[in-house]
Amino acid sequence: MSNHKMGGIEILFDGASGIYIPQRFAEECTGEGWRGVTDEDRAILAAGPDHEHYWDAWSDVIDNAEFHSTDGAIYSLHQDDDVFICCRDRMTVEEQVSFFDGEYDPPEGTEVFRVLEHFAEFIEYGDASGLSDIEARAIDAWLERYPPARYVVSVESALAEDFDECDICGMRGRLTGVLVVDMGHAK
């Protein structure tokens, strides 16, 4: 595998290789960047799909293999017909939510809040016209905890939910996601 600057998601093998994907992995994904693949699993996969432990070995590889790029990024494998190599730290919120069926794993130093849509409008654009007095007080208290000088806040519609409880005020309504990144931990 090339060690060029990779994005958050790269296709490793398309599904056209079918049952031979694990064998191709054993033959093509070698080198010091690969970790978590035992010599035994690699030998089983190289033997091909007729080996009695082929699929067990492939399951171990999918669960444990990592590729460590020279620039420090760590990638794991993901199979959904095609086989992908993914680095969550390099994936956008939208890519993670789309690729991992709605799951989002925030980086260290990041918190995710589910907030009412009009709260997000205030956070993002400073538009307080949709806030009641109670809501304005709740969001002011929240902003005291997360002052803009120390935190970067972004609204992520990919983290929206249809109807649930707001993490800031407890009211129920249509929510969107807000990421709060502590600049003391930001990469």
Protein backbone atom coordinates (compact mmCIF):
# COMPACT_ATOMS: atom_id res chain seq x y z
CA MET A 1 0.00 0.00 0.00
CA SER A 2 1.26 3.41 -0.90
CA ASN A 3 2.10 5.71 1.97
CA HIS A 4 0.95 8.89 0.19
CA LYS A 5 -1.08 11.44 2.17
CA MET A 6 -4.38 9.62 2.45
CA GLY A 7 -7.82 11.02 3.15
CA GLY A 8 -10.24 9.81 5.78
CA ILE A 9 -11.62 6.96 3.65
CA GLU A 10 -9.87 5.04 0.91
CA ILE A 11 -11.16 2.02 -0.97
CA LEU A 12 -8.74 -0.85 -0.59
CA PHE A 13 -10.54 -3.56 -2.60
CA ASP A 14 -13.81 -3.32 -4.49
CA GLY A 15 -16.41 -6.04 -4.12
CA ALA A 16 -15.66 -7.40 -7.60
CA SER A 17 -12.88 -9.50 -6.04
CA GLY A 18 -15.55 -11.32 -4.04
CA ILE A 19 -14.31 -14.24 -1.96
CA TYR A 20 -10.73 -13.47 -2.99
CA ILE A 21 -10.58 -10.13 -1.17
CA PRO A 22 -9.01 -11.70 1.95
CA GLN A 23 -6.44 -13.52 -0.18
CA ARG A 24 -5.60 -10.27 -2.00
CA PHE A 25 -5.18 -8.57 1.37
CA ALA A 26 -2.66 -11.22 2.47
CA GLU A 27 -0.70 -10.82 -0.76
CA GLU A 28 -0.87 -7.05 -1.30
CA CYS A 29 -1.09 -5.43 2.14
CA THR A 30 2.38 -6.09 3.46
CA GLY A 31 4.98 -3.80 4.89
CA GLU A 32 5.88 -2.19 8.14
CA GLY A 33 2.80 0.06 8.21
CA TRP A 34 0.49 -2.90 8.84
CA ARG A 35 -0.09 -4.03 12.42
CA GLY A 36 -2.50 -6.39 14.14
CA VAL A 37 -2.28 -9.15 11.51
CA THR A 38 -0.74 -12.38 12.73
CA ASP A 39 1.57 -14.44 10.55
CA GLU A 40 -0.83 -17.34 10.99
CA ASP A 41 -3.84 -15.34 9.73
CA ARG A 42 -1.82 -14.00 6.81
CA ALA A 43 -0.76 -17.57 5.84
CA ILE A 44 -4.35 -18.83 6.07
CA LEU A 45 -5.62 -16.00 3.89
CA ALA A 46 -2.81 -16.49 1.37
CA ALA A 47 -3.86 -20.15 1.05
CA GLY A 48 -7.20 -19.01 -0.36
CA PRO A 49 -10.90 -19.52 0.28
CA ASP A 50 -10.67 -23.32 0.40
CA HIS A 51 -8.77 -23.19 3.71
CA GLU A 52 -11.09 -24.24 6.54
CA HIS A 53 -10.19 -21.21 8.69
CA TYR A 54 -10.21 -18.64 5.87
CA TRP A 55 -13.29 -16.71 7.05
CA ASP A 56 -12.31 -16.85 10.73
CA ALA A 57 -8.89 -15.45 9.85
CA TRP A 58 -10.50 -12.72 7.73
CA SER A 59 -12.79 -11.78 10.62
CA ASP A 60 -9.72 -11.46 12.88
CA VAL A 61 -8.02 -9.24 10.30
CA ILE A 62 -11.07 -6.98 9.85
CA ASP A 63 -11.35 -6.62 13.64
CA ASN A 64 -7.67 -6.07 14.43
CA ALA A 65 -5.69 -4.83 11.44
CA GLU A 66 -4.39 -1.27 11.45
CA PHE A 67 -2.34 0.66 8.97
CA HIS A 68 -0.01 3.26 10.51
CA SER A 69 0.94 5.85 7.92
CA THR A 70 4.26 7.65 8.04
CA ASP A 71 2.49 10.89 8.97
CA GLY A 72 1.07 9.31 12.15
CA ALA A 73 -2.50 8.55 11.07
CA ILE A 74 -3.95 5.19 12.10
CA TYR A 75 -6.39 3.46 9.75
CA SER A 76 -8.67 0.50 10.37
CA LEU A 77 -10.50 -1.78 7.96
CA HIS A 78 -14.21 -1.67 7.25
CA GLN A 79 -16.05 -4.08 4.96
CA ASP A 80 -19.41 -3.44 3.39
CA ASP A 81 -19.12 -5.48 0.18
CA ASP A 82 -16.08 -3.32 -0.74
CA VAL A 83 -13.20 -3.09 1.75
CA PHE A 84 -12.24 0.37 2.94
CA ILE A 85 -9.43 1.71 5.06
CA CYS A 86 -10.63 4.48 7.38
CA CYS A 87 -9.10 7.00 9.74
CA ARG A 88 -11.88 8.55 11.85
CA ASP A 89 -9.63 11.46 12.82
CA ARG A 90 -9.40 12.45 9.15
CA MET A 91 -13.06 11.90 8.29
CA THR A 92 -15.52 14.77 8.32
CA VAL A 93 -18.57 14.52 10.56
CA GLU A 94 -20.72 13.92 7.46
CA GLU A 95 -18.43 11.12 6.26
CA GLN A 96 -18.52 9.36 9.63
CA VAL A 97 -22.29 9.64 10.04
CA SER A 98 -22.92 8.45 6.50
CA PHE A 99 -20.30 5.71 6.45
CA PHE A 100 -20.91 4.30 9.94
CA ASP A 101 -24.74 4.28 9.88
CA GLY A 102 -25.29 7.39 11.98
CA GLU A 103 -22.40 6.87 14.40
CA TYR A 104 -19.99 9.67 15.18
CA ASP A 105 -16.85 9.27 17.27
CA PRO A 106 -15.62 12.74 18.22
CA PRO A 107 -11.88 13.36 18.53
CA GLU A 108 -10.28 13.82 21.96
CA GLY A 109 -11.16 17.18 23.49
CA THR A 110 -14.42 17.41 21.55
CA GLU A 111 -17.92 17.21 22.95
CA VAL A 112 -21.14 16.81 20.98
CA PHE A 113 -24.29 18.53 22.13
CA ARG A 114 -27.73 17.95 20.68
CA VAL A 115 -29.47 21.31 20.67
CA LEU A 116 -32.69 22.86 19.39
CA GLU A 117 -32.32 24.09 15.82
CA HIS A 118 -32.90 27.72 16.76
CA PHE A 119 -30.18 27.41 19.46
CA ALA A 120 -27.81 26.31 16.70
CA GLU A 121 -28.81 29.36 14.65
CA PHE A 122 -27.93 31.58 17.61
CA ILE A 123 -24.62 29.75 18.19
CA GLU A 124 -23.65 29.88 14.52
CA TYR A 125 -25.03 33.27 13.41
CA GLY A 126 -25.76 35.20 16.63
CA ASP A 127 -29.46 35.35 15.70
CA ALA A 128 -31.34 35.49 19.03
CA SER A 129 -34.73 36.29 17.47
CA GLY A 130 -35.97 32.73 17.92
CA LEU A 131 -35.05 32.50 21.62
CA SER A 132 -37.43 32.97 24.55
CA ASP A 133 -36.08 34.65 27.71
CA ILE A 134 -35.67 31.25 29.40
CA GLU A 135 -33.85 29.85 26.36
CA ALA A 136 -31.60 32.94 26.18
CA ARG A 137 -30.61 32.47 29.84
CA ALA A 138 -29.92 28.74 29.29
CA ILE A 139 -27.74 29.40 26.27
CA ASP A 140 -25.92 32.29 28.02
CA ALA A 141 -25.05 29.91 30.88
CA TRP A 142 -23.85 27.34 28.34
CA LEU A 143 -21.69 29.94 26.56
CA GLU A 144 -20.11 30.89 29.90
CA ARG A 145 -18.99 27.26 30.23
CA TYR A 146 -17.72 27.20 26.62
CA PRO A 147 -16.40 30.70 25.91
CA PRO A 148 -15.64 31.33 22.22
CA ALA A 149 -12.07 32.42 23.04
CA ARG A 150 -11.25 28.88 24.18
CA TYR A 151 -13.63 26.74 22.14
CA VAL A 152 -14.48 26.39 18.49
CA VAL A 153 -18.13 25.62 17.98
CA SER A 154 -19.55 24.28 14.74
CA VAL A 155 -23.05 23.25 13.81
CA GLU A 156 -23.21 19.84 12.14
CA SER A 157 -26.53 19.05 10.47
CA ALA A 158 -25.32 15.47 9.92
CA LEU A 159 -25.80 14.96 13.67
CA ALA A 160 -29.43 16.13 13.60
CA GLU A 161 -32.20 14.09 15.17
CA ASP A 162 -35.88 14.30 14.47
CA PHE A 163 -37.24 15.00 17.92
CA ASP A 164 -35.58 14.64 21.29
CA GLU A 165 -34.40 16.52 24.37
CA CYS A 166 -32.00 19.47 24.06
CA ASP A 167 -28.72 19.02 25.95
CA ILE A 168 -28.67 22.71 26.93
CA CYS A 169 -32.19 23.41 28.20
CA GLY A 170 -33.92 20.02 28.38
CA MET A 171 -36.80 21.05 26.11
CA ARG A 172 -37.96 18.67 23.41
CA GLY A 173 -37.86 19.60 19.75
CA ARG A 174 -36.12 19.16 16.40
CA LEU A 175 -32.41 18.94 17.18
CA THR A 176 -29.19 19.51 15.34
CA GLY A 177 -25.67 18.67 16.44
CA VAL A 178 -23.16 21.14 17.78
CA LEU A 179 -19.51 20.23 18.16
CA VAL A 180 -17.47 21.98 20.81
CA VAL A 181 -13.73 21.62 20.40
CA ASP A 182 -11.51 22.50 23.34
CA MET A 183 -8.59 24.37 21.80
CA GLY A 184 -6.36 23.03 24.57
CA HIS A 185 -6.80 19.54 23.07
CA ALA A 186 -7.24 20.43 19.42
CA LYS A 187 -4.72 18.94 16.98
